[in-house]
Amino acid sequence: MPLRQNDYKIVNDLASSCINRGLQEGVAVVNILREEIEKRVSDGKGVVEKGAPRVLVSMMPHDPTFVDLIEKLGLAIYGTATMSTPSASGPSSYTFLWEQVAESLMKRRGGQYSSWAYIAQLKELAQLSHVNGIIFWTHYSCRQYSILSLKAKELIEKELGIPVLLLEGDYCDFRSRNTDQMRIKLETFAEIVKSTKTGAKK
């Protein structure tokens, strides 16, 4: 991974920005970044060691220390559950903008659809990206996501054989969680993922 997820998130936010400066200068900025990333790739530079275990994070809270800790533990963050999949690709059959948006959300099978669909999305992404584990962040103020976390862990570990770590907290308010407890859970999970990846090689 040539770019830290915290940096990528800024780029992602810029891509969806509708502010005047973002629209005027955004493309040029992203092109500069693209050139820098291509050089990092050609030079073999990355955020974590080459061959590091890859993890999928269900949703990325607005806390840079959370993401930074995962990468410092030697885990490469592949992406989140909002990523598109081959089954979600292709042109829309609709012409009206909001129908296109609705169709896109349905194809991506996100949490807006159903618990089963969200779990199916996680499973497909995990298989496509060959991740070694999943970190399932639950925004505990959102009942929609609180419903499916335990079932997702059960099914993914049983069917895919990869570990799933459940974490919960507020998506924006960092005071809602115990940082030390979260760090200990992530450290333990990182060791499990690394040992699972090593065992799979044998």
C-alpha atoms as a PDB file:
ATOM      1  CA  MET A   1       0.000   0.000   0.000  1.00  0.00           C
ATOM      2  CA  PRO A   2       1.797   3.153  -1.169  1.00  0.00           C
ATOM      3  CA  LEU A   3      -0.523   5.611   0.593  1.00  0.00           C
ATOM      4  CA  ARG A   4      -1.704   5.786   4.190  1.00  0.00           C
ATOM      5  CA  GLN A   5      -5.442   5.406   4.617  1.00  0.00           C
ATOM      6  CA  ASN A   6      -5.617   8.711   6.479  1.00  0.00           C
ATOM      7  CA  ASP A   7      -4.171  10.418   3.396  1.00  0.00           C
ATOM      8  CA  TYR A   8      -6.381   8.465   1.047  1.00  0.00           C
ATOM      9  CA  LYS A   9      -9.435   9.539   3.045  1.00  0.00           C
ATOM     10  CA  ILE A  10      -8.576  13.182   2.388  1.00  0.00           C
ATOM     11  CA  VAL A  11      -8.373  12.439  -1.343  1.00  0.00           C
ATOM     12  CA  ASN A  12     -11.662  10.564  -1.179  1.00  0.00           C
ATOM     13  CA  ASP A  13     -13.345  13.479   0.587  1.00  0.00           C
ATOM     14  CA  LEU A  14     -11.961  15.834  -2.043  1.00  0.00           C
ATOM     15  CA  ALA A  15     -13.404  13.661  -4.810  1.00  0.00           C
ATOM     16  CA  SER A  16     -16.891  14.012  -3.360  1.00  0.00           C
ATOM     17  CA  SER A  17     -16.476  17.684  -2.506  1.00  0.00           C
ATOM     18  CA  CYS A  18     -18.701  20.251  -4.136  1.00  0.00           C
ATOM     19  CA  ILE A  19     -16.913  23.320  -2.783  1.00  0.00           C
ATOM     20  CA  ASN A  20     -15.668  25.836  -5.322  1.00  0.00           C
ATOM     21  CA  ARG A  21     -11.940  25.391  -4.744  1.00  0.00           C
ATOM     22  CA  GLY A  22     -12.240  21.600  -4.723  1.00  0.00           C
ATOM     23  CA  LEU A  23     -13.946  21.654  -8.091  1.00  0.00           C
ATOM     24  CA  GLN A  24     -11.454  24.115  -9.575  1.00  0.00           C
ATOM     25  CA  GLU A  25      -8.200  22.673  -8.255  1.00  0.00           C
ATOM     26  CA  GLY A  26      -9.126  19.116  -7.256  1.00  0.00           C
ATOM     27  CA  VAL A  27      -8.185  17.396 -10.514  1.00  0.00           C
ATOM     28  CA  ALA A  28      -4.760  19.048 -10.647  1.00  0.00           C
ATOM     29  CA  VAL A  29      -4.067  18.114  -7.019  1.00  0.00           C
ATOM     30  CA  VAL A  30      -5.070  14.479  -7.564  1.00  0.00           C
ATOM     31  CA  ASN A  31      -2.864  14.292 -10.672  1.00  0.00           C
ATOM     32  CA  ILE A  32       0.136  15.488  -8.656  1.00  0.00           C
ATOM     33  CA  LEU A  33      -0.612  12.876  -6.018  1.00  0.00           C
ATOM     34  CA  ARG A  34      -1.011  10.174  -8.676  1.00  0.00           C
ATOM     35  CA  GLU A  35       2.483  10.891 -10.002  1.00  0.00           C
ATOM     36  CA  GLU A  36       3.942  10.743  -6.493  1.00  0.00           C
ATOM     37  CA  ILE A  37       2.178   7.445  -5.766  1.00  0.00           C
ATOM     38  CA  GLU A  38       3.373   5.931  -9.054  1.00  0.00           C
ATOM     39  CA  LYS A  39       6.950   6.835  -8.077  1.00  0.00           C
ATOM     40  CA  ARG A  40       6.511   5.261  -4.643  1.00  0.00           C
ATOM     41  CA  VAL A  41       5.235   2.087  -6.287  1.00  0.00           C
ATOM     42  CA  SER A  42       8.125   1.974  -8.771  1.00  0.00           C
ATOM     43  CA  ASP A  43      10.604   2.570  -5.896  1.00  0.00           C
ATOM     44  CA  GLY A  44       8.992  -0.193  -3.842  1.00  0.00           C
ATOM     45  CA  LYS A  45       8.033   2.145  -1.001  1.00  0.00           C
ATOM     46  CA  GLY A  46       4.969   1.374   1.075  1.00  0.00           C
ATOM     47  CA  VAL A  47       3.206   2.143   4.340  1.00  0.00           C
ATOM     48  CA  VAL A  48       3.848  -1.365   5.677  1.00  0.00           C
ATOM     49  CA  GLU A  49       6.273  -4.123   4.698  1.00  0.00           C
ATOM     50  CA  LYS A  50       5.687  -5.873   1.403  1.00  0.00           C
ATOM     51  CA  GLY A  51       3.595  -8.996   1.955  1.00  0.00           C
ATOM     52  CA  ALA A  52       2.065  -7.656   5.174  1.00  0.00           C
ATOM     53  CA  PRO A  53      -1.332  -9.101   6.146  1.00  0.00           C
ATOM     54  CA  ARG A  54      -4.244  -7.317   4.511  1.00  0.00           C
ATOM     55  CA  VAL A  55      -7.404  -6.331   6.372  1.00  0.00           C
ATOM     56  CA  LEU A  56     -10.760  -4.965   5.361  1.00  0.00           C
ATOM     57  CA  VAL A  57     -12.367  -2.367   7.654  1.00  0.00           C
ATOM     58  CA  SER A  58     -16.157  -2.221   7.540  1.00  0.00           C
ATOM     59  CA  MET A  59     -16.255   1.539   8.073  1.00  0.00           C
ATOM     60  CA  MET A  60     -13.526   4.040   8.872  1.00  0.00           C
ATOM     61  CA  PRO A  61     -14.332   6.291  11.853  1.00  0.00           C
ATOM     62  CA  HIS A  62     -13.243   9.925  11.680  1.00  0.00           C
ATOM     63  CA  ASP A  63     -10.328   9.260  13.991  1.00  0.00           C
ATOM     64  CA  PRO A  64      -6.849   9.339  12.418  1.00  0.00           C
ATOM     65  CA  THR A  65      -5.279   7.627  15.452  1.00  0.00           C
ATOM     66  CA  PHE A  66      -7.472   4.530  14.905  1.00  0.00           C
ATOM     67  CA  VAL A  67      -6.319   4.097  11.307  1.00  0.00           C
ATOM     68  CA  ASP A  68      -2.726   4.991  12.140  1.00  0.00           C
ATOM     69  CA  LEU A  69      -2.594   2.335  14.877  1.00  0.00           C
ATOM     70  CA  ILE A  70      -3.733  -0.414  12.492  1.00  0.00           C
ATOM     71  CA  GLU A  71      -0.936   0.417  10.057  1.00  0.00           C
ATOM     72  CA  LYS A  72       1.674   0.761  12.834  1.00  0.00           C
ATOM     73  CA  LEU A  73       0.791  -2.794  13.887  1.00  0.00           C
ATOM     74  CA  GLY A  74       1.899  -3.956  10.443  1.00  0.00           C
ATOM     75  CA  LEU A  75      -1.515  -4.475   8.875  1.00  0.00           C
ATOM     76  CA  ALA A  76      -2.249  -3.180   5.390  1.00  0.00           C
ATOM     77  CA  ILE A  77      -5.728  -1.676   5.130  1.00  0.00           C
ATOM     78  CA  TYR A  78      -7.111  -2.814   1.801  1.00  0.00           C
ATOM     79  CA  GLY A  79     -10.297  -0.754   1.919  1.00  0.00           C
ATOM     80  CA  THR A  80     -13.795  -0.523   3.364  1.00  0.00           C
ATOM     81  CA  ALA A  81     -17.163  -2.171   2.784  1.00  0.00           C
ATOM     82  CA  THR A  82     -18.274   0.794   0.676  1.00  0.00           C
ATOM     83  CA  MET A  83     -15.933  -0.252  -2.139  1.00  0.00           C
ATOM     84  CA  SER A  84     -17.434  -1.356  -5.415  1.00  0.00           C
ATOM     85  CA  THR A  85     -17.307  -4.947  -6.662  1.00  0.00           C
ATOM     86  CA  PRO A  86     -17.504  -6.431 -10.186  1.00  0.00           C
ATOM     87  CA  SER A  87     -21.159  -7.234  -9.576  1.00  0.00           C
ATOM     88  CA  ALA A  88     -21.766  -3.522  -8.941  1.00  0.00           C
ATOM     89  CA  SER A  89     -19.932  -2.317 -12.028  1.00  0.00           C
ATOM     90  CA  GLY A  90     -21.339  -1.456 -15.418  1.00  0.00           C
ATOM     91  CA  PRO A  91     -23.463   1.338 -16.830  1.00  0.00           C
ATOM     92  CA  SER A  92     -26.770   2.257 -15.265  1.00  0.00           C
ATOM     93  CA  SER A  93     -30.046   1.347 -16.889  1.00  0.00           C
ATOM     94  CA  TYR A  94     -31.559   4.616 -15.645  1.00  0.00           C
ATOM     95  CA  THR A  95     -31.201   8.176 -16.911  1.00  0.00           C
ATOM     96  CA  PHE A  96     -32.512  10.094 -13.871  1.00  0.00           C
ATOM     97  CA  LEU A  97     -29.689  10.918 -11.415  1.00  0.00           C
ATOM     98  CA  TRP A  98     -31.337   9.729  -8.212  1.00  0.00           C
ATOM     99  CA  GLU A  99     -32.490   6.498  -9.840  1.00  0.00           C
ATOM    100  CA  GLN A 100     -28.864   5.906 -10.801  1.00  0.00           C
ATOM    101  CA  VAL A 101     -27.798   6.556  -7.204  1.00  0.00           C
ATOM    102  CA  ALA A 102     -30.433   4.140  -5.873  1.00  0.00           C
ATOM    103  CA  GLU A 103     -29.395   1.467  -8.367  1.00  0.00           C
ATOM    104  CA  SER A 104     -25.731   1.901  -7.416  1.00  0.00           C
ATOM    105  CA  LEU A 105     -26.520   1.455  -3.723  1.00  0.00           C
ATOM    106  CA  MET A 106     -28.568  -1.652  -4.434  1.00  0.00           C
ATOM    107  CA  LYS A 107     -25.795  -3.161  -6.558  1.00  0.00           C
ATOM    108  CA  ARG A 108     -23.237  -2.479  -3.839  1.00  0.00           C
ATOM    109  CA  ARG A 109     -25.514  -4.270  -1.369  1.00  0.00           C
ATOM    110  CA  GLY A 110     -24.640  -1.902   1.448  1.00  0.00           C
ATOM    111  CA  GLY A 111     -26.286  -1.426   4.802  1.00  0.00           C
ATOM    112  CA  GLN A 112     -29.036   0.566   3.088  1.00  0.00           C
ATOM    113  CA  TYR A 113     -30.308  -2.716   1.668  1.00  0.00           C
ATOM    114  CA  SER A 114     -30.370  -5.368   4.437  1.00  0.00           C
ATOM    115  CA  SER A 115     -28.148  -7.119   6.986  1.00  0.00           C
ATOM    116  CA  TRP A 116     -27.816 -10.144   4.721  1.00  0.00           C
ATOM    117  CA  ALA A 117     -26.807  -7.940   1.789  1.00  0.00           C
ATOM    118  CA  TYR A 118     -24.166  -6.115   3.848  1.00  0.00           C
ATOM    119  CA  ILE A 119     -22.639  -9.407   4.973  1.00  0.00           C
ATOM    120  CA  ALA A 120     -22.679 -10.653   1.371  1.00  0.00           C
ATOM    121  CA  GLN A 121     -20.835  -7.479   0.349  1.00  0.00           C
ATOM    122  CA  LEU A 122     -18.167  -8.028   3.021  1.00  0.00           C
ATOM    123  CA  LYS A 123     -17.706 -11.653   1.986  1.00  0.00           C
ATOM    124  CA  GLU A 124     -17.356 -10.812  -1.698  1.00  0.00           C
ATOM    125  CA  LEU A 125     -14.854  -8.025  -1.003  1.00  0.00           C
ATOM    126  CA  ALA A 126     -12.855 -10.284   1.333  1.00  0.00           C
ATOM    127  CA  GLN A 127     -12.633 -13.008  -1.298  1.00  0.00           C
ATOM    128  CA  LEU A 128     -11.793 -10.641  -4.158  1.00  0.00           C
ATOM    129  CA  SER A 129      -9.052  -8.856  -2.216  1.00  0.00           C
ATOM    130  CA  HIS A 130      -7.682 -11.970  -0.455  1.00  0.00           C
ATOM    131  CA  VAL A 131      -7.655 -10.229   2.926  1.00  0.00           C
ATOM    132  CA  ASN A 132      -6.422 -12.037   6.016  1.00  0.00           C
ATOM    133  CA  GLY A 133      -8.921 -10.485   8.415  1.00  0.00           C
ATOM    134  CA  ILE A 134     -11.765  -8.024   8.848  1.00  0.00           C
ATOM    135  CA  ILE A 135     -12.173  -5.235  11.400  1.00  0.00           C
ATOM    136  CA  PHE A 136     -15.874  -4.618  11.869  1.00  0.00           C
ATOM    137  CA  TRP A 137     -16.406  -1.148  13.325  1.00  0.00           C
ATOM    138  CA  THR A 138     -19.902  -0.634  14.727  1.00  0.00           C
ATOM    139  CA  HIS A 139     -21.186   2.888  15.129  1.00  0.00           C
ATOM    140  CA  TYR A 140     -23.198   2.163  18.256  1.00  0.00           C
ATOM    141  CA  SER A 141     -25.537   5.093  17.745  1.00  0.00           C
ATOM    142  CA  CYS A 142     -26.720   3.471  14.507  1.00  0.00           C
ATOM    143  CA  ARG A 143     -29.111   0.578  15.137  1.00  0.00           C
ATOM    144  CA  GLN A 144     -28.888  -0.434  11.505  1.00  0.00           C
ATOM    145  CA  TYR A 145     -25.236  -1.497  11.844  1.00  0.00           C
ATOM    146  CA  SER A 146     -25.544  -2.747  15.419  1.00  0.00           C
ATOM    147  CA  ILE A 147     -27.938  -5.481  14.324  1.00  0.00           C
ATOM    148  CA  LEU A 148     -25.613  -7.443  12.056  1.00  0.00           C
ATOM    149  CA  SER A 149     -22.111  -7.347  13.575  1.00  0.00           C
ATOM    150  CA  LEU A 150     -22.301 -10.615  15.546  1.00  0.00           C
ATOM    151  CA  LYS A 151     -23.907 -12.487  12.647  1.00  0.00           C
ATOM    152  CA  ALA A 152     -21.308 -11.105  10.242  1.00  0.00           C
ATOM    153  CA  LYS A 153     -18.479 -12.337  12.475  1.00  0.00           C
ATOM    154  CA  GLU A 154     -20.069 -15.779  12.823  1.00  0.00           C
ATOM    155  CA  LEU A 155     -20.689 -16.311   9.102  1.00  0.00           C
ATOM    156  CA  ILE A 156     -17.410 -14.866   7.810  1.00  0.00           C
ATOM    157  CA  GLU A 157     -15.230 -16.808  10.244  1.00  0.00           C
ATOM    158  CA  LYS A 158     -17.138 -20.003   9.518  1.00  0.00           C
ATOM    159  CA  GLU A 159     -17.362 -19.691   5.722  1.00  0.00           C
ATOM    160  CA  LEU A 160     -14.114 -17.881   4.869  1.00  0.00           C
ATOM    161  CA  GLY A 161     -11.928 -18.983   7.756  1.00  0.00           C
ATOM    162  CA  ILE A 162     -10.527 -15.517   8.488  1.00  0.00           C
ATOM    163  CA  PRO A 163     -10.674 -13.724  11.865  1.00  0.00           C
ATOM    164  CA  VAL A 164     -13.103 -10.859  12.438  1.00  0.00           C
ATOM    165  CA  LEU A 165     -12.576  -8.250  15.152  1.00  0.00           C
ATOM    166  CA  LEU A 166     -15.638  -6.428  16.471  1.00  0.00           C
ATOM    167  CA  LEU A 167     -15.110  -2.874  17.711  1.00  0.00           C
ATOM    168  CA  GLU A 168     -17.694  -0.282  18.629  1.00  0.00           C
ATOM    169  CA  GLY A 169     -17.822   3.408  19.311  1.00  0.00           C
ATOM    170  CA  ASP A 170     -19.155   6.655  17.989  1.00  0.00           C
ATOM    171  CA  TYR A 171     -18.258   7.396  14.378  1.00  0.00           C
ATOM    172  CA  CYS A 172     -17.296  10.999  15.169  1.00  0.00           C
ATOM    173  CA  ASP A 173     -17.011  11.433  18.954  1.00  0.00           C
ATOM    174  CA  PHE A 174     -13.695   9.865  19.996  1.00  0.00           C
ATOM    175  CA  ARG A 175     -14.520  10.262  23.701  1.00  0.00           C
ATOM    176  CA  SER A 176     -17.026   7.417  23.411  1.00  0.00           C
ATOM    177  CA  ARG A 177     -14.401   4.678  23.634  1.00  0.00           C
ATOM    178  CA  ASN A 178     -11.489   3.583  25.768  1.00  0.00           C
ATOM    179  CA  THR A 179      -8.376   4.085  23.631  1.00  0.00           C
ATOM    180  CA  ASP A 180      -6.238   1.671  25.683  1.00  0.00           C
ATOM    181  CA  GLN A 181      -8.821  -1.114  25.427  1.00  0.00           C
ATOM    182  CA  MET A 182      -9.117  -0.594  21.685  1.00  0.00           C
ATOM    183  CA  ARG A 183      -5.338  -0.665  21.274  1.00  0.00           C
ATOM    184  CA  ILE A 184      -5.065  -3.952  23.198  1.00  0.00           C
ATOM    185  CA  LYS A 185      -7.799  -5.531  21.068  1.00  0.00           C
ATOM    186  CA  LEU A 186      -6.115  -4.374  17.862  1.00  0.00           C
ATOM    187  CA  GLU A 187      -2.704  -5.642  19.023  1.00  0.00           C
ATOM    188  CA  THR A 188      -4.163  -9.062  19.823  1.00  0.00           C
ATOM    189  CA  PHE A 189      -6.035  -9.155  16.525  1.00  0.00           C
ATOM    190  CA  ALA A 190      -2.874  -8.221  14.604  1.00  0.00           C
ATOM    191  CA  GLU A 191      -1.018 -11.159  16.160  1.00  0.00           C
ATOM    192  CA  ILE A 192      -3.862 -13.533  15.278  1.00  0.00           C
ATOM    193  CA  VAL A 193      -3.977 -12.295  11.679  1.00  0.00           C
ATOM    194  CA  LYS A 194      -0.206 -12.595  11.286  1.00  0.00           C
ATOM    195  CA  SER A 195      -0.137 -16.125  12.709  1.00  0.00           C
ATOM    196  CA  THR A 196      -3.116 -17.141  10.550  1.00  0.00           C
ATOM    197  CA  LYS A 197      -1.374 -15.811   7.437  1.00  0.00           C
ATOM    198  CA  THR A 198       1.851 -17.644   8.354  1.00  0.00           C
ATOM    199  CA  GLY A 199      -0.102 -20.858   8.978  1.00  0.00           C
ATOM    200  CA  ALA A 200      -1.858 -20.578   5.632  1.00  0.00           C
ATOM    201  CA  LYS A 201       1.521 -20.380   3.832  1.00  0.00           C
ATOM    202  CA  LYS A 202       2.577 -23.688   5.375  1.00  0.00           C
END
